[in-house]
Amino acid sequence: MSVFRFKRFSVRNERSAMKVNTDGVLLGAATTVLPNDRRVLDVGTGTGTVALMIAQRLETECSGADWHIQGIDIDTPSAEEAAENFDQSPWRDHLESVNIGLAAFKEANSGECYDLIVSNPPYYDNSLQAPEARRNTARHTGDPEDPAGAEPLSYREILEYASEVLSEYGRVSMILPSDQEKALFRHARMCGFVPWKILRIRTVERKPVSRLIVQFGRKGKFGDSPQEELLTLLNERGRRTSQQVSLVTDYYL
């Protein structure tokens, strides 16, 4: 059995199309949780790692409050494994895994309102194929009965959906390759969002930034100038930097 152990929870990592990975852990650790957050949606939850990381923080930030996290994934083995991971966690009563794509979820849950939406969307364009067939259909819109006929999930769809369902001070947080920054920000503006926090990520100092985690909020609610940081993951000896250690210290053993 493949199990990834964190400080307060464990993640079975066998059947999900999207395995536990650095990008997901960084997204879960870097995403800001606010005291008034009550409803959270993790789009493309995979093993449920990001949702579990958010749950750990909500337990502290929203102590005594009734909060709920939904993780959705169109890939059936992923949704089932996430459900098992949720059930084995300390926050089982606050977590829910649903086997559904974003488009179908939107139709089935009209009128819902969320305080936070998180997602680690695929890094390939719709015209390209992911390295493995299941990864190619792991996160997309449509019907789980017919994933092959659906379009790959994109940050555009997530932003458009977020613009409809986020609360007044709700945020959407996602991690993407740095070369998609301009297009991402342009579409976010079209949806009425502005960047609130930007974390630029590079593997080592001599390398350029390769990823960014962006947290968007509604225009006029989070100021005009985003908070920007640079995160270097590894030092010259290939070990985790103090920056990375500090970011994930509440999670990694």
Protein backbone atom coordinates (compact mmCIF):
# COMPACT_ATOMS: atom_id res chain seq x y z
CA MET A 1 0.00 0.00 0.00
CA SER A 2 1.35 3.42 -1.00
CA VAL A 3 0.70 5.87 1.84
CA PHE A 4 2.07 9.41 2.18
CA ARG A 5 2.17 10.41 5.83
CA PHE A 6 1.77 14.00 6.98
CA LYS A 7 1.89 15.18 10.59
CA ARG A 8 -1.85 15.00 11.23
CA PHE A 9 -3.19 12.85 8.42
CA SER A 10 -2.18 10.19 5.92
CA VAL A 11 -2.97 9.97 2.21
CA ARG A 12 -3.42 6.73 0.32
CA ASN A 13 -1.75 7.33 -3.00
CA GLU A 14 -2.56 4.26 -5.12
CA ARG A 15 -5.54 4.71 -7.42
CA SER A 16 -5.78 8.44 -8.00
CA ALA A 17 -4.76 9.67 -11.43
CA MET A 18 -3.08 12.67 -9.78
CA LYS A 19 -0.61 11.52 -7.13
CA VAL A 20 0.64 13.47 -4.12
CA ASN A 21 3.08 16.00 -5.57
CA THR A 22 5.08 19.08 -4.63
CA ASP A 23 2.78 21.46 -6.50
CA GLY A 24 -0.28 20.29 -4.58
CA VAL A 25 1.48 20.46 -1.22
CA LEU A 26 2.74 23.97 -1.96
CA LEU A 27 -0.75 25.06 -3.01
CA GLY A 28 -2.29 23.67 0.16
CA ALA A 29 0.36 25.27 2.37
CA ALA A 30 0.44 28.67 0.66
CA THR A 31 -3.30 29.22 0.32
CA THR A 32 -4.55 31.69 2.92
CA VAL A 33 -7.39 30.58 5.17
CA LEU A 34 -9.46 33.31 6.84
CA PRO A 35 -11.50 33.07 10.07
CA ASN A 36 -14.79 33.60 8.25
CA ASP A 37 -14.23 30.81 5.72
CA ARG A 38 -17.03 28.27 6.00
CA ARG A 39 -17.48 26.75 2.54
CA VAL A 40 -14.50 25.52 0.50
CA LEU A 41 -14.38 23.78 -2.89
CA ASP A 42 -11.36 21.82 -4.16
CA VAL A 43 -11.70 21.38 -7.93
CA GLY A 44 -9.87 18.28 -9.17
CA THR A 45 -9.19 16.98 -5.68
CA GLY A 46 -7.21 13.87 -6.70
CA THR A 47 -6.12 12.14 -3.48
CA GLY A 48 -7.70 14.94 -1.45
CA THR A 49 -4.34 16.23 -0.19
CA VAL A 50 -5.04 19.95 -0.70
CA ALA A 51 -8.49 19.65 0.88
CA LEU A 52 -6.98 17.90 3.91
CA MET A 53 -4.33 20.58 4.30
CA ILE A 54 -6.99 23.28 4.18
CA ALA A 55 -9.06 21.32 6.71
CA GLN A 56 -6.15 21.22 9.13
CA ARG A 57 -5.94 25.01 9.04
CA LEU A 58 -9.69 25.58 9.19
CA GLU A 59 -9.81 23.58 12.40
CA THR A 60 -7.59 26.28 13.94
CA GLU A 61 -8.86 29.38 12.14
CA CYS A 62 -12.54 28.52 12.49
CA SER A 63 -12.49 26.80 15.87
CA GLY A 64 -16.01 25.89 16.95
CA ALA A 65 -17.53 26.97 13.63
CA ASP A 66 -19.43 24.77 11.21
CA TRP A 67 -17.24 24.56 8.09
CA HIS A 68 -17.35 22.20 5.13
CA ILE A 69 -15.00 21.26 2.29
CA GLN A 70 -16.13 19.59 -0.93
CA GLY A 71 -13.56 17.92 -3.16
CA ILE A 72 -14.76 17.11 -6.67
CA ASP A 73 -13.07 14.94 -9.29
CA ILE A 74 -14.42 13.40 -12.47
CA ASP A 75 -11.99 10.47 -12.21
CA THR A 76 -13.86 7.78 -10.25
CA PRO A 77 -10.83 6.06 -8.62
CA SER A 78 -9.54 9.49 -7.55
CA ALA A 79 -12.85 10.52 -5.99
CA GLU A 80 -13.13 7.17 -4.21
CA GLU A 81 -9.59 7.36 -2.85
CA ALA A 82 -10.14 10.95 -1.70
CA ALA A 83 -13.29 9.80 0.12
CA GLU A 84 -11.29 7.10 1.91
CA ASN A 85 -8.58 9.59 2.85
CA PHE A 86 -11.20 12.02 4.16
CA ASP A 87 -12.87 9.28 6.19
CA GLN A 88 -9.57 8.34 7.87
CA SER A 89 -8.76 11.95 8.81
CA PRO A 90 -9.59 13.87 12.01
CA TRP A 91 -11.97 16.07 10.00
CA ARG A 92 -14.14 13.36 8.40
CA ASP A 93 -17.35 15.15 9.39
CA HIS A 94 -16.28 18.29 7.53
CA LEU A 95 -15.06 16.72 4.28
CA GLU A 96 -16.92 15.36 1.26
CA SER A 97 -15.67 13.82 -1.98
CA VAL A 98 -17.93 13.93 -5.04
CA ASN A 99 -17.31 12.05 -8.30
CA ILE A 100 -18.33 14.76 -10.76
CA GLY A 101 -16.87 17.22 -13.25
CA LEU A 102 -17.08 20.98 -12.84
CA ALA A 103 -19.74 21.57 -15.50
CA ALA A 104 -22.04 18.90 -14.09
CA PHE A 105 -21.34 20.10 -10.55
CA LYS A 106 -22.33 23.61 -11.55
CA GLU A 107 -25.65 22.39 -12.95
CA ALA A 108 -26.40 20.26 -9.90
CA ASN A 109 -25.46 22.89 -7.33
CA SER A 110 -26.97 26.15 -8.52
CA GLY A 111 -27.25 28.71 -5.76
CA GLU A 112 -24.21 27.48 -3.85
CA CYS A 113 -21.82 30.03 -2.34
CA TYR A 114 -18.16 29.45 -1.43
CA ASP A 115 -15.59 31.41 0.54
CA LEU A 116 -12.60 29.68 -1.04
CA ILE A 117 -12.00 27.68 -4.21
CA VAL A 118 -8.67 25.90 -4.71
CA SER A 119 -7.40 24.01 -7.73
CA ASN A 120 -4.27 22.55 -9.25
CA PRO A 121 -5.45 22.50 -12.88
CA PRO A 122 -3.69 20.54 -15.66
CA TYR A 123 -0.66 22.20 -17.22
CA TYR A 124 -1.38 21.33 -20.81
CA ASP A 125 -3.44 23.16 -23.40
CA ASN A 126 -6.64 21.61 -24.71
CA SER A 127 -4.84 20.71 -27.93
CA LEU A 128 -2.19 18.66 -26.13
CA GLN A 129 -2.21 15.32 -24.40
CA ALA A 130 -1.03 14.60 -20.90
CA PRO A 131 1.60 11.85 -20.58
CA GLU A 132 -0.93 9.27 -19.37
CA ALA A 133 -4.48 8.73 -20.53
CA ARG A 134 -6.03 8.86 -17.05
CA ARG A 135 -4.14 12.03 -16.20
CA ASN A 136 -5.51 13.45 -19.44
CA THR A 137 -9.06 12.95 -18.17
CA ALA A 138 -8.39 13.29 -14.44
CA ARG A 139 -9.58 16.86 -14.19
CA HIS A 140 -12.03 18.09 -16.75
CA THR A 141 -15.61 19.18 -17.10
CA GLY A 142 -18.55 17.04 -18.07
CA ASP A 143 -20.06 13.71 -17.08
CA PRO A 144 -18.07 11.09 -15.13
CA GLU A 145 -19.96 8.47 -17.16
CA ASP A 146 -18.28 9.82 -20.30
CA PRO A 147 -14.98 11.52 -19.39
CA ALA A 148 -13.51 10.98 -22.86
CA GLY A 149 -16.13 13.27 -24.34
CA ALA A 150 -15.41 16.17 -22.02
CA GLU A 151 -13.06 19.09 -22.38
CA PRO A 152 -9.97 19.31 -20.14
CA LEU A 153 -10.50 21.46 -17.08
CA SER A 154 -8.90 24.89 -17.45
CA TYR A 155 -8.21 27.85 -15.20
CA ARG A 156 -10.63 29.83 -17.36
CA GLU A 157 -13.55 27.60 -16.37
CA ILE A 158 -12.52 27.74 -12.73
CA LEU A 159 -12.35 31.54 -12.74
CA GLU A 160 -15.67 31.85 -14.55
CA TYR A 161 -17.35 29.52 -12.09
CA ALA A 162 -15.72 31.30 -9.15
CA SER A 163 -17.07 34.63 -10.36
CA GLU A 164 -20.58 33.21 -10.00
CA VAL A 165 -20.32 31.45 -6.64
CA LEU A 166 -17.70 33.18 -4.48
CA SER A 167 -18.88 35.20 -1.48
CA GLU A 168 -18.11 38.92 -1.26
CA TYR A 169 -14.67 38.33 0.24
CA GLY A 170 -14.18 34.90 -1.31
CA ARG A 171 -10.95 33.90 -3.02
CA VAL A 172 -9.80 31.49 -5.69
CA SER A 173 -6.32 30.00 -5.33
CA MET A 174 -4.46 27.99 -7.98
CA ILE A 175 -0.98 26.96 -9.07
CA LEU A 176 0.09 27.29 -12.70
CA PRO A 177 3.23 27.43 -14.85
CA SER A 178 4.74 30.91 -15.00
CA ASP A 179 4.36 31.06 -18.79
CA GLN A 180 0.56 31.19 -18.34
CA GLU A 181 0.69 34.24 -16.07
CA LYS A 182 -0.35 36.90 -18.58
CA ALA A 183 -3.26 34.89 -19.94
CA LEU A 184 -4.33 33.95 -16.41
CA PHE A 185 -4.33 37.53 -15.17
CA ARG A 186 -6.12 38.77 -18.27
CA HIS A 187 -8.93 36.26 -17.86
CA ALA A 188 -9.13 36.94 -14.13
CA ARG A 189 -9.71 40.63 -14.84
CA MET A 190 -12.45 39.71 -17.29
CA CYS A 191 -14.12 37.76 -14.47
CA GLY A 192 -13.87 40.68 -12.04
CA PHE A 193 -10.89 39.39 -10.05
CA VAL A 194 -7.60 40.99 -9.04
CA PRO A 195 -4.52 39.18 -7.70
CA TRP A 196 -4.32 39.41 -3.91
CA LYS A 197 -1.25 37.27 -3.27
CA ILE A 198 1.33 35.96 -5.74
CA LEU A 199 3.95 33.37 -4.81
CA ARG A 200 6.55 32.85 -7.54
CA ILE A 201 8.37 29.53 -7.31
CA ARG A 202 11.75 28.43 -8.64
CA THR A 203 13.55 25.17 -7.97
CA VAL A 204 17.00 26.71 -7.29
CA GLU A 205 18.44 30.24 -7.30
CA ARG A 206 20.10 29.91 -10.71
CA LYS A 207 16.86 28.83 -12.38
CA PRO A 208 14.04 31.11 -13.53
CA VAL A 209 10.62 31.08 -11.91
CA SER A 210 8.66 28.06 -13.17
CA ARG A 211 5.43 28.10 -11.15
CA LEU A 212 3.23 30.63 -9.46
CA ILE A 213 0.51 30.32 -6.86
CA VAL A 214 -2.02 33.12 -7.25
CA GLN A 215 -4.85 33.96 -4.89
CA PHE A 216 -7.50 36.14 -6.53
CA GLY A 217 -10.22 38.17 -4.86
CA ARG A 218 -13.01 40.33 -6.17
CA LYS A 219 -12.00 43.74 -7.46
CA GLY A 220 -12.31 46.42 -4.79
CA LYS A 221 -12.16 43.96 -1.87
CA PHE A 222 -8.43 43.22 -1.57
CA GLY A 223 -6.64 46.42 -2.58
CA ASP A 224 -4.93 47.40 -5.80
CA SER A 225 -1.41 46.04 -5.23
CA PRO A 226 -0.88 42.30 -4.70
CA GLN A 227 1.44 40.89 -2.05
CA GLU A 228 4.30 39.21 -3.93
CA GLU A 229 6.89 36.71 -2.69
CA LEU A 230 9.60 34.55 -4.25
CA LEU A 231 10.08 30.97 -3.05
CA THR A 232 13.23 28.97 -3.81
CA LEU A 233 12.69 25.27 -3.15
CA LEU A 234 16.21 23.82 -3.03
CA ASN A 235 19.67 25.06 -2.07
CA GLU A 236 22.87 24.37 -4.01
CA ARG A 237 23.20 20.99 -2.28
CA GLY A 238 19.74 19.90 -3.37
CA ARG A 239 18.19 20.19 0.07
CA ARG A 240 15.01 22.02 0.93
CA THR A 241 15.56 25.69 1.68
CA SER A 242 14.54 27.24 4.99
CA GLN A 243 11.79 29.01 3.01
CA GLN A 244 10.24 25.75 1.90
CA VAL A 245 10.70 24.13 5.31
CA SER A 246 8.95 27.06 6.97
CA LEU A 247 6.05 26.92 4.51
CA VAL A 248 5.33 23.21 4.98
CA THR A 249 6.46 22.75 8.59
CA ASP A 250 2.90 22.23 9.88
CA TYR A 251 2.42 19.33 7.46
CA TYR A 252 5.60 17.39 6.73
CA LEU A 253 6.98 14.94 9.27
